Amino acid sequence: MNKAQKDLLVEIMEINFVLVETALYLDTHPNDENALRLHNNSSHRYHQLLDMYEAKYGPLRNTSMSGYPWAYIEEPWPWDIDFNNFC
């Protein structure tokens, strides 16, 4: 895994964190338009990043389309990636 791939994966994880947190917040504050806007913008960006990652590096989710053979298992598992040691 090269630095560009790790950087993209980190950005995906950061946006995913924002989505989880805004969803939790919106559960108790459903009328907060700013939070909803942040959530929706983050959701849009998240899907863009996922599409970008998968187009370049292959499936990131087991629900993604795969070429033959099954490619989801080809990348290292998240716990196998050393995010502190970028190339």
PDB file of N, CA and C in Angstrom:
ATOM      1  N   MET A   1       0.857  -1.174   0.000  1.00  0.00           N
ATOM      2  CA  MET A   1       0.000   0.000   0.000  1.00  0.00           C
ATOM      3  C   MET A   1       0.899   1.232   0.000  1.00  0.00           C
ATOM      4  N   ASN A   2       0.676   2.115  -0.976  1.00  0.00           N
ATOM      5  CA  ASN A   2       1.503   3.317  -1.078  1.00  0.00           C
ATOM      6  C   ASN A   2       0.888   4.478  -0.283  1.00  0.00           C
ATOM      7  N   LYS A   3       1.627   5.579  -0.216  1.00  0.00           N
ATOM      8  CA  LYS A   3       1.195   6.740   0.571  1.00  0.00           C
ATOM      9  C   LYS A   3      -0.115   7.329   0.060  1.00  0.00           C
ATOM     10  N   ALA A   4      -0.280   7.428  -1.249  1.00  0.00           N
ATOM     11  CA  ALA A   4      -1.505   7.989  -1.819  1.00  0.00           C
ATOM     12  C   ALA A   4      -2.719   7.146  -1.428  1.00  0.00           C
ATOM     13  N   GLN A   5      -2.572   5.836  -1.466  1.00  0.00           N
ATOM     14  CA  GLN A   5      -3.667   4.945  -1.091  1.00  0.00           C
ATOM     15  C   GLN A   5      -3.987   5.105   0.397  1.00  0.00           C
ATOM     16  N   LYS A   6      -2.954   5.172   1.231  1.00  0.00           N
ATOM     17  CA  LYS A   6      -3.180   5.356   2.670  1.00  0.00           C
ATOM     18  C   LYS A   6      -3.834   6.700   2.950  1.00  0.00           C
ATOM     19  N   ASP A   7      -3.384   7.739   2.271  1.00  0.00           N
ATOM     20  CA  ASP A   7      -3.971   9.067   2.477  1.00  0.00           C
ATOM     21  C   ASP A   7      -5.464   9.062   2.135  1.00  0.00           C
ATOM     22  N   LEU A   8      -5.817   8.422   1.042  1.00  0.00           N
ATOM     23  CA  LEU A   8      -7.217   8.344   0.636  1.00  0.00           C
ATOM     24  C   LEU A   8      -8.027   7.530   1.644  1.00  0.00           C
ATOM     25  N   LEU A   9      -7.465   6.446   2.131  1.00  0.00           N
ATOM     26  CA  LEU A   9      -8.142   5.620   3.120  1.00  0.00           C
ATOM     27  C   LEU A   9      -8.344   6.391   4.430  1.00  0.00           C
ATOM     28  N   VAL A  10      -7.356   7.156   4.832  1.00  0.00           N
ATOM     29  CA  VAL A  10      -7.484   7.976   6.047  1.00  0.00           C
ATOM     30  C   VAL A  10      -8.593   9.007   5.864  1.00  0.00           C
ATOM     31  N   GLU A  11      -8.661   9.638   4.703  1.00  0.00           N
ATOM     32  CA  GLU A  11      -9.718  10.620   4.456  1.00  0.00           C
ATOM     33  C   GLU A  11     -11.097   9.956   4.496  1.00  0.00           C
ATOM     34  N   ILE A  12     -11.210   8.768   3.955  1.00  0.00           N
ATOM     35  CA  ILE A  12     -12.469   8.028   4.006  1.00  0.00           C
ATOM     36  C   ILE A  12     -12.850   7.753   5.456  1.00  0.00           C
ATOM     37  N   MET A  13     -11.896   7.353   6.266  1.00  0.00           N
ATOM     38  CA  MET A  13     -12.176   7.069   7.672  1.00  0.00           C
ATOM     39  C   MET A  13     -12.564   8.338   8.425  1.00  0.00           C
ATOM     40  N   GLU A  14     -11.935   9.455   8.108  1.00  0.00           N
ATOM     41  CA  GLU A  14     -12.278  10.723   8.758  1.00  0.00           C
ATOM     42  C   GLU A  14     -13.709  11.142   8.419  1.00  0.00           C
ATOM     43  N   ILE A  15     -14.069  11.047   7.161  1.00  0.00           N
ATOM     44  CA  ILE A  15     -15.418  11.420   6.744  1.00  0.00           C
ATOM     45  C   ILE A  15     -16.438  10.457   7.354  1.00  0.00           C
ATOM     46  N   ASN A  16     -16.092   9.177   7.430  1.00  0.00           N
ATOM     47  CA  ASN A  16     -16.983   8.211   8.057  1.00  0.00           C
ATOM     48  C   ASN A  16     -17.223   8.575   9.522  1.00  0.00           C
ATOM     49  N   PHE A  17     -16.201   9.032  10.219  1.00  0.00           N
ATOM     50  CA  PHE A  17     -16.351   9.468  11.605  1.00  0.00           C
ATOM     51  C   PHE A  17     -17.339  10.633  11.695  1.00  0.00           C
ATOM     52  N   VAL A  18     -17.217  11.598  10.796  1.00  0.00           N
ATOM     53  CA  VAL A  18     -18.141  12.732  10.775  1.00  0.00           C
ATOM     54  C   VAL A  18     -19.570  12.240  10.552  1.00  0.00           C
ATOM     55  N   LEU A  19     -19.746  11.287   9.655  1.00  0.00           N
ATOM     56  CA  LEU A  19     -21.087  10.759   9.382  1.00  0.00           C
ATOM     57  C   LEU A  19     -21.691  10.072  10.604  1.00  0.00           C
ATOM     58  N   VAL A  20     -20.907   9.289  11.303  1.00  0.00           N
ATOM     59  CA  VAL A  20     -21.405   8.605  12.501  1.00  0.00           C
ATOM     60  C   VAL A  20     -21.799   9.632  13.558  1.00  0.00           C
ATOM     61  N   GLU A  21     -20.928  10.596  13.788  1.00  0.00           N
ATOM     62  CA  GLU A  21     -21.190  11.595  14.829  1.00  0.00           C
ATOM     63  C   GLU A  21     -22.377  12.497  14.486  1.00  0.00           C
ATOM     64  N   THR A  22     -22.474  12.931  13.240  1.00  0.00           N
ATOM     65  CA  THR A  22     -23.601  13.791  12.886  1.00  0.00           C
ATOM     66  C   THR A  22     -24.913  13.006  12.924  1.00  0.00           C
ATOM     67  N   ALA A  23     -24.877  11.735  12.546  1.00  0.00           N
ATOM     68  CA  ALA A  23     -26.083  10.914  12.623  1.00  0.00           C
ATOM     69  C   ALA A  23     -26.548  10.774  14.072  1.00  0.00           C
ATOM     70  N   LEU A  24     -25.614  10.537  14.976  1.00  0.00           N
ATOM     71  CA  LEU A  24     -25.969  10.441  16.394  1.00  0.00           C
ATOM     72  C   LEU A  24     -26.540  11.765  16.903  1.00  0.00           C
ATOM     73  N   TYR A  25     -25.910  12.859  16.515  1.00  0.00           N
ATOM     74  CA  TYR A  25     -26.379  14.179  16.931  1.00  0.00           C
ATOM     75  C   TYR A  25     -27.777  14.454  16.375  1.00  0.00           C
ATOM     76  N   LEU A  26     -27.964  14.144  15.110  1.00  0.00           N
ATOM     77  CA  LEU A  26     -29.250  14.407  14.473  1.00  0.00           C
ATOM     78  C   LEU A  26     -30.379  13.549  15.048  1.00  0.00           C
ATOM     79  N   ASP A  27     -30.035  12.411  15.639  1.00  0.00           N
ATOM     80  CA  ASP A  27     -31.055  11.600  16.300  1.00  0.00           C
ATOM     81  C   ASP A  27     -31.725  12.369  17.438  1.00  0.00           C
ATOM     82  N   THR A  28     -30.985  13.245  18.082  1.00  0.00           N
ATOM     83  CA  THR A  28     -31.538  14.015  19.203  1.00  0.00           C
ATOM     84  C   THR A  28     -31.801  15.471  18.853  1.00  0.00           C
ATOM     85  N   HIS A  29     -31.320  15.918  17.698  1.00  0.00           N
ATOM     86  CA  HIS A  29     -31.509  17.302  17.248  1.00  0.00           C
ATOM     87  C   HIS A  29     -31.925  17.309  15.770  1.00  0.00           C
ATOM     88  N   PRO A  30     -33.063  16.714  15.442  1.00  0.00           N
ATOM     89  CA  PRO A  30     -33.447  16.543  14.032  1.00  0.00           C
ATOM     90  C   PRO A  30     -33.734  17.851  13.291  1.00  0.00           C
ATOM     91  N   ASN A  31     -33.916  18.941  13.998  1.00  0.00           N
ATOM     92  CA  ASN A  31     -34.226  20.211  13.341  1.00  0.00           C
ATOM     93  C   ASN A  31     -33.024  21.123  13.179  1.00  0.00           C
ATOM     94  N   ASP A  32     -31.824  20.611  13.444  1.00  0.00           N
ATOM     95  CA  ASP A  32     -30.606  21.419  13.289  1.00  0.00           C
ATOM     96  C   ASP A  32     -30.187  21.392  11.817  1.00  0.00           C
ATOM     97  N   GLU A  33     -30.531  22.443  11.111  1.00  0.00           N
ATOM     98  CA  GLU A  33     -30.255  22.496   9.664  1.00  0.00           C
ATOM     99  C   GLU A  33     -28.764  22.472   9.351  1.00  0.00           C
ATOM    100  N   ASN A  34     -27.959  23.134  10.170  1.00  0.00           N
ATOM    101  CA  ASN A  34     -26.506  23.142   9.926  1.00  0.00           C
ATOM    102  C   ASN A  34     -25.920  21.744  10.070  1.00  0.00           C
ATOM    103  N   ALA A  35     -26.353  21.023  11.089  1.00  0.00           N
ATOM    104  CA  ALA A  35     -25.859  19.655  11.278  1.00  0.00           C
ATOM    105  C   ALA A  35     -26.320  18.753  10.131  1.00  0.00           C
ATOM    106  N   LEU A  36     -27.551  18.944   9.704  1.00  0.00           N
ATOM    107  CA  LEU A  36     -28.057  18.147   8.584  1.00  0.00           C
ATOM    108  C   LEU A  36     -27.298  18.461   7.304  1.00  0.00           C
ATOM    109  N   ARG A  37     -26.993  19.719   7.087  1.00  0.00           N
ATOM    110  CA  ARG A  37     -26.209  20.121   5.917  1.00  0.00           C
ATOM    111  C   ARG A  37     -24.810  19.483   5.970  1.00  0.00           C
ATOM    112  N   LEU A  38     -24.182  19.535   7.150  1.00  0.00           N
ATOM    113  CA  LEU A  38     -22.864  18.912   7.310  1.00  0.00           C
ATOM    114  C   LEU A  38     -22.946  17.416   7.038  1.00  0.00           C
ATOM    115  N   HIS A  39     -23.961  16.783   7.566  1.00  0.00           N
ATOM    116  CA  HIS A  39     -24.124  15.341   7.353  1.00  0.00           C
ATOM    117  C   HIS A  39     -24.313  15.015   5.870  1.00  0.00           C
ATOM    118  N   ASN A  40     -25.195  15.749   5.209  1.00  0.00           N
ATOM    119  CA  ASN A  40     -25.457  15.482   3.796  1.00  0.00           C
ATOM    120  C   ASN A  40     -24.248  15.770   2.915  1.00  0.00           C
ATOM    121  N   ASN A  41     -23.554  16.860   3.180  1.00  0.00           N
ATOM    122  CA  ASN A  41     -22.337  17.159   2.418  1.00  0.00           C
ATOM    123  C   ASN A  41     -21.273  16.101   2.659  1.00  0.00           C
ATOM    124  N   SER A  42     -21.148  15.660   3.893  1.00  0.00           N
ATOM    125  CA  SER A  42     -20.168  14.620   4.219  1.00  0.00           C
ATOM    126  C   SER A  42     -20.538  13.298   3.567  1.00  0.00           C
ATOM    127  N   SER A  43     -21.832  12.995   3.533  1.00  0.00           N
ATOM    128  CA  SER A  43     -22.285  11.769   2.884  1.00  0.00           C
ATOM    129  C   SER A  43     -21.952  11.784   1.394  1.00  0.00           C
ATOM    130  N   HIS A  44     -22.191  12.916   0.768  1.00  0.00           N
ATOM    131  CA  HIS A  44     -21.861  13.056  -0.656  1.00  0.00           C
ATOM    132  C   HIS A  44     -20.366  12.861  -0.879  1.00  0.00           C
ATOM    133  N   ARG A  45     -19.546  13.509  -0.061  1.00  0.00           N
ATOM    134  CA  ARG A  45     -18.087  13.388  -0.181  1.00  0.00           C
ATOM    135  C   ARG A  45     -17.633  11.956   0.095  1.00  0.00           C
ATOM    136  N   TYR A  46     -18.228  11.322   1.092  1.00  0.00           N
ATOM    137  CA  TYR A  46     -17.879   9.950   1.450  1.00  0.00           C
ATOM    138  C   TYR A  46     -18.080   9.010   0.264  1.00  0.00           C
ATOM    139  N   HIS A  47     -19.211   9.137  -0.399  1.00  0.00           N
ATOM    140  CA  HIS A  47     -19.477   8.264  -1.545  1.00  0.00           C
ATOM    141  C   HIS A  47     -18.548   8.580  -2.722  1.00  0.00           C
ATOM    142  N   GLN A  48     -18.204   9.843  -2.900  1.00  0.00           N
ATOM    143  CA  GLN A  48     -17.219  10.195  -3.932  1.00  0.00           C
ATOM    144  C   GLN A  48     -15.880   9.530  -3.635  1.00  0.00           C
ATOM    145  N   LEU A  49     -15.444   9.622  -2.381  1.00  0.00           N
ATOM    146  CA  LEU A  49     -14.155   9.041  -1.994  1.00  0.00           C
ATOM    147  C   LEU A  49     -14.167   7.523  -2.137  1.00  0.00           C
ATOM    148  N   LEU A  50     -15.261   6.885  -1.741  1.00  0.00           N
ATOM    149  CA  LEU A  50     -15.359   5.433  -1.905  1.00  0.00           C
ATOM    150  C   LEU A  50     -15.257   5.042  -3.374  1.00  0.00           C
ATOM    151  N   ASP A  51     -15.980   5.755  -4.221  1.00  0.00           N
ATOM    152  CA  ASP A  51     -15.925   5.464  -5.656  1.00  0.00           C
ATOM    153  C   ASP A  51     -14.517   5.679  -6.204  1.00  0.00           C
ATOM    154  N   MET A  52     -13.879   6.757  -5.767  1.00  0.00           N
ATOM    155  CA  MET A  52     -12.521   7.061  -6.209  1.00  0.00           C
ATOM    156  C   MET A  52     -11.550   5.957  -5.769  1.00  0.00           C
ATOM    157  N   TYR A  53     -11.658   5.556  -4.516  1.00  0.00           N
ATOM    158  CA  TYR A  53     -10.769   4.516  -3.989  1.00  0.00           C
ATOM    159  C   TYR A  53     -10.963   3.211  -4.744  1.00  0.00           C
ATOM    160  N   GLU A  54     -12.215   2.809  -4.886  1.00  0.00           N
ATOM    161  CA  GLU A  54     -12.485   1.517  -5.514  1.00  0.00           C
ATOM    162  C   GLU A  54     -12.136   1.500  -6.995  1.00  0.00           C
ATOM    163  N   ALA A  55     -12.265   2.622  -7.664  1.00  0.00           N
ATOM    164  CA  ALA A  55     -11.877   2.682  -9.079  1.00  0.00           C
ATOM    165  C   ALA A  55     -10.377   2.504  -9.241  1.00  0.00           C
ATOM    166  N   LYS A  56      -9.634   3.009  -8.277  1.00  0.00           N
ATOM    167  CA  LYS A  56      -8.174   2.968  -8.377  1.00  0.00           C
ATOM    168  C   LYS A  56      -7.549   1.741  -7.724  1.00  0.00           C
ATOM    169  N   TYR A  57      -8.109   1.313  -6.577  1.00  0.00           N
ATOM    170  CA  TYR A  57      -7.448   0.265  -5.788  1.00  0.00           C
ATOM    171  C   TYR A  57      -8.256  -1.015  -5.621  1.00  0.00           C
ATOM    172  N   GLY A  58      -9.489  -1.025  -6.070  1.00  0.00           N
ATOM    173  CA  GLY A  58     -10.303  -2.226  -5.927  1.00  0.00           C
ATOM    174  C   GLY A  58     -11.293  -2.101  -4.786  1.00  0.00           C
ATOM    175  N   PRO A  59     -12.081  -3.155  -4.570  1.00  0.00           N
ATOM    176  CA  PRO A  59     -13.168  -3.108  -3.594  1.00  0.00           C
ATOM    177  C   PRO A  59     -12.685  -2.780  -2.180  1.00  0.00           C
ATOM    178  N   LEU A  60     -13.393  -1.876  -1.554  1.00  0.00           N
ATOM    179  CA  LEU A  60     -13.127  -1.527  -0.165  1.00  0.00           C
ATOM    180  C   LEU A  60     -14.196  -2.132   0.739  1.00  0.00           C
ATOM    181  N   ARG A  61     -15.336  -2.432   0.143  1.00  0.00           N
ATOM    182  CA  ARG A  61     -16.464  -3.004   0.881  1.00  0.00           C
ATOM    183  C   ARG A  61     -16.836  -4.342   0.264  1.00  0.00           C
ATOM    184  N   ASN A  62     -17.298  -5.243   1.085  1.00  0.00           N
ATOM    185  CA  ASN A  62     -17.684  -6.546   0.537  1.00  0.00           C
ATOM    186  C   ASN A  62     -18.990  -6.476  -0.240  1.00  0.00           C
ATOM    187  N   THR A  63     -19.628  -5.317  -0.243  1.00  0.00           N
ATOM    188  CA  THR A  63     -20.850  -5.126  -1.033  1.00  0.00           C
ATOM    189  C   THR A  63     -20.549  -4.513  -2.400  1.00  0.00           C
ATOM    190  N   SER A  64     -19.282  -4.234  -2.666  1.00  0.00           N
ATOM    191  CA  SER A  64     -18.883  -3.624  -3.939  1.00  0.00           C
ATOM    192  C   SER A  64     -18.763  -4.670  -5.035  1.00  0.00           C
ATOM    193  N   MET A  65     -18.855  -4.207  -6.257  1.00  0.00           N
ATOM    194  CA  MET A  65     -18.668  -5.087  -7.404  1.00  0.00           C
ATOM    195  C   MET A  65     -17.210  -5.539  -7.447  1.00  0.00           C
ATOM    196  N   SER A  66     -16.981  -6.747  -7.907  1.00  0.00           N
ATOM    197  CA  SER A  66     -15.630  -7.287  -7.980  1.00  0.00           C
ATOM    198  C   SER A  66     -15.425  -7.967  -9.320  1.00  0.00           C
ATOM    199  N   GLY A  67     -14.224  -7.830  -9.828  1.00  0.00           N
ATOM    200  CA  GLY A  67     -13.838  -8.620 -10.984  1.00  0.00           C
ATOM    201  C   GLY A  67     -13.519 -10.038 -10.533  1.00  0.00           C
ATOM    202  N   TYR A  68     -13.181 -10.877 -11.472  1.00  0.00           N
ATOM    203  CA  TYR A  68     -12.812 -12.256 -11.156  1.00  0.00           C
ATOM    204  C   TYR A  68     -11.305 -12.357 -11.040  1.00  0.00           C
ATOM    205  N   PRO A  69     -10.756 -12.994 -10.059  1.00  0.00           N
ATOM    206  CA  PRO A  69     -11.425 -13.613  -8.926  1.00  0.00           C
ATOM    207  C   PRO A  69     -11.851 -12.569  -7.889  1.00  0.00           C
ATOM    208  N   TRP A  70     -12.575 -13.004  -6.877  1.00  0.00           N
ATOM    209  CA  TRP A  70     -13.062 -12.161  -5.791  1.00  0.00           C
ATOM    210  C   TRP A  70     -11.900 -11.336  -5.257  1.00  0.00           C
ATOM    211  N   ALA A  71     -11.976 -10.000  -5.418  1.00  0.00           N
ATOM    212  CA  ALA A  71     -10.843  -9.133  -5.108  1.00  0.00           C
ATOM    213  C   ALA A  71     -10.902  -8.477  -3.733  1.00  0.00           C
ATOM    214  N   TYR A  72     -12.016  -8.595  -3.039  1.00  0.00           N
ATOM    215  CA  TYR A  72     -12.171  -7.912  -1.751  1.00  0.00           C
ATOM    216  C   TYR A  72     -11.090  -8.329  -0.758  1.00  0.00           C
ATOM    217  N   ILE A  73     -10.652  -9.568  -0.829  1.00  0.00           N
ATOM    218  CA  ILE A  73      -9.679 -10.074   0.137  1.00  0.00           C
ATOM    219  C   ILE A  73      -8.228  -9.777  -0.249  1.00  0.00           C
ATOM    220  N   GLU A  74      -8.005  -9.097  -1.362  1.00  0.00           N
ATOM    221  CA  GLU A  74      -6.657  -8.858  -1.839  1.00  0.00           C
ATOM    222  C   GLU A  74      -5.900  -7.777  -1.075  1.00  0.00           C
ATOM    223  N   GLU A  75      -6.600  -6.800  -0.539  1.00  0.00           N
ATOM    224  CA  GLU A  75      -5.947  -5.709   0.184  1.00  0.00           C
ATOM    225  C   GLU A  75      -5.722  -6.111   1.639  1.00  0.00           C
ATOM    226  N   PRO A  76      -4.787  -5.447   2.304  1.00  0.00           N
ATOM    227  CA  PRO A  76      -4.623  -5.759   3.730  1.00  0.00           C
ATOM    228  C   PRO A  76      -5.865  -5.364   4.526  1.00  0.00           C
ATOM    229  N   TRP A  77      -6.137  -6.101   5.581  1.00  0.00           N
ATOM    230  CA  TRP A  77      -7.227  -5.760   6.471  1.00  0.00           C
ATOM    231  C   TRP A  77      -6.859  -4.482   7.217  1.00  0.00           C
ATOM    232  N   PRO A  78      -7.834  -3.688   7.640  1.00  0.00           N
ATOM    233  CA  PRO A  78      -7.529  -2.400   8.286  1.00  0.00           C
ATOM    234  C   PRO A  78      -6.552  -2.524   9.447  1.00  0.00           C
ATOM    235  N   TRP A  79      -6.639  -3.567  10.227  1.00  0.00           N
ATOM    236  CA  TRP A  79      -5.740  -3.729  11.372  1.00  0.00           C
ATOM    237  C   TRP A  79      -4.333  -4.146  10.956  1.00  0.00           C
ATOM    238  N   ASP A  80      -4.145  -4.496   9.687  1.00  0.00           N
ATOM    239  CA  ASP A  80      -2.818  -4.842   9.180  1.00  0.00           C
ATOM    240  C   ASP A  80      -2.080  -3.645   8.599  1.00  0.00           C
ATOM    241  N   ILE A  81      -2.732  -2.493   8.511  1.00  0.00           N
ATOM    242  CA  ILE A  81      -2.128  -1.309   7.914  1.00  0.00           C
ATOM    243  C   ILE A  81      -1.436  -0.491   9.004  1.00  0.00           C
ATOM    244  N   ASP A  82      -0.188  -0.160   8.774  1.00  0.00           N
ATOM    245  CA  ASP A  82       0.554   0.682   9.703  1.00  0.00           C
ATOM    246  C   ASP A  82       0.404   2.132   9.231  1.00  0.00           C
ATOM    247  N   PHE A  83      -0.549   2.848   9.801  1.00  0.00           N
ATOM    248  CA  PHE A  83      -0.810   4.220   9.385  1.00  0.00           C
ATOM    249  C   PHE A  83       0.277   5.182   9.860  1.00  0.00           C
ATOM    250  N   ASN A  84       1.116   4.755  10.783  1.00  0.00           N
ATOM    251  CA  ASN A  84       2.198   5.605  11.265  1.00  0.00           C
ATOM    252  C   ASN A  84       3.439   5.534  10.379  1.00  0.00           C
ATOM    253  N   ASN A  85       3.484   4.550   9.514  1.00  0.00           N
ATOM    254  CA  ASN A  85       4.671   4.326   8.689  1.00  0.00           C
ATOM    255  C   ASN A  85       4.314   4.492   7.224  1.00  0.00           C
ATOM    256  N   PHE A  86       4.128   5.741   6.796  1.00  0.00           N
ATOM    257  CA  PHE A  86       3.785   6.028   5.402  1.00  0.00           C
ATOM    258  C   PHE A  86       5.020   5.869   4.534  1.00  0.00           C
ATOM    259  N   CYS A  87       4.807   5.397   3.305  1.00  0.00           N
ATOM    260  CA  CYS A  87       5.910   5.215   2.344  1.00  0.00           C
ATOM    261  C   CYS A  87       6.531   6.528   1.970  1.00  0.00           C
TER     262      CYS A  87
END
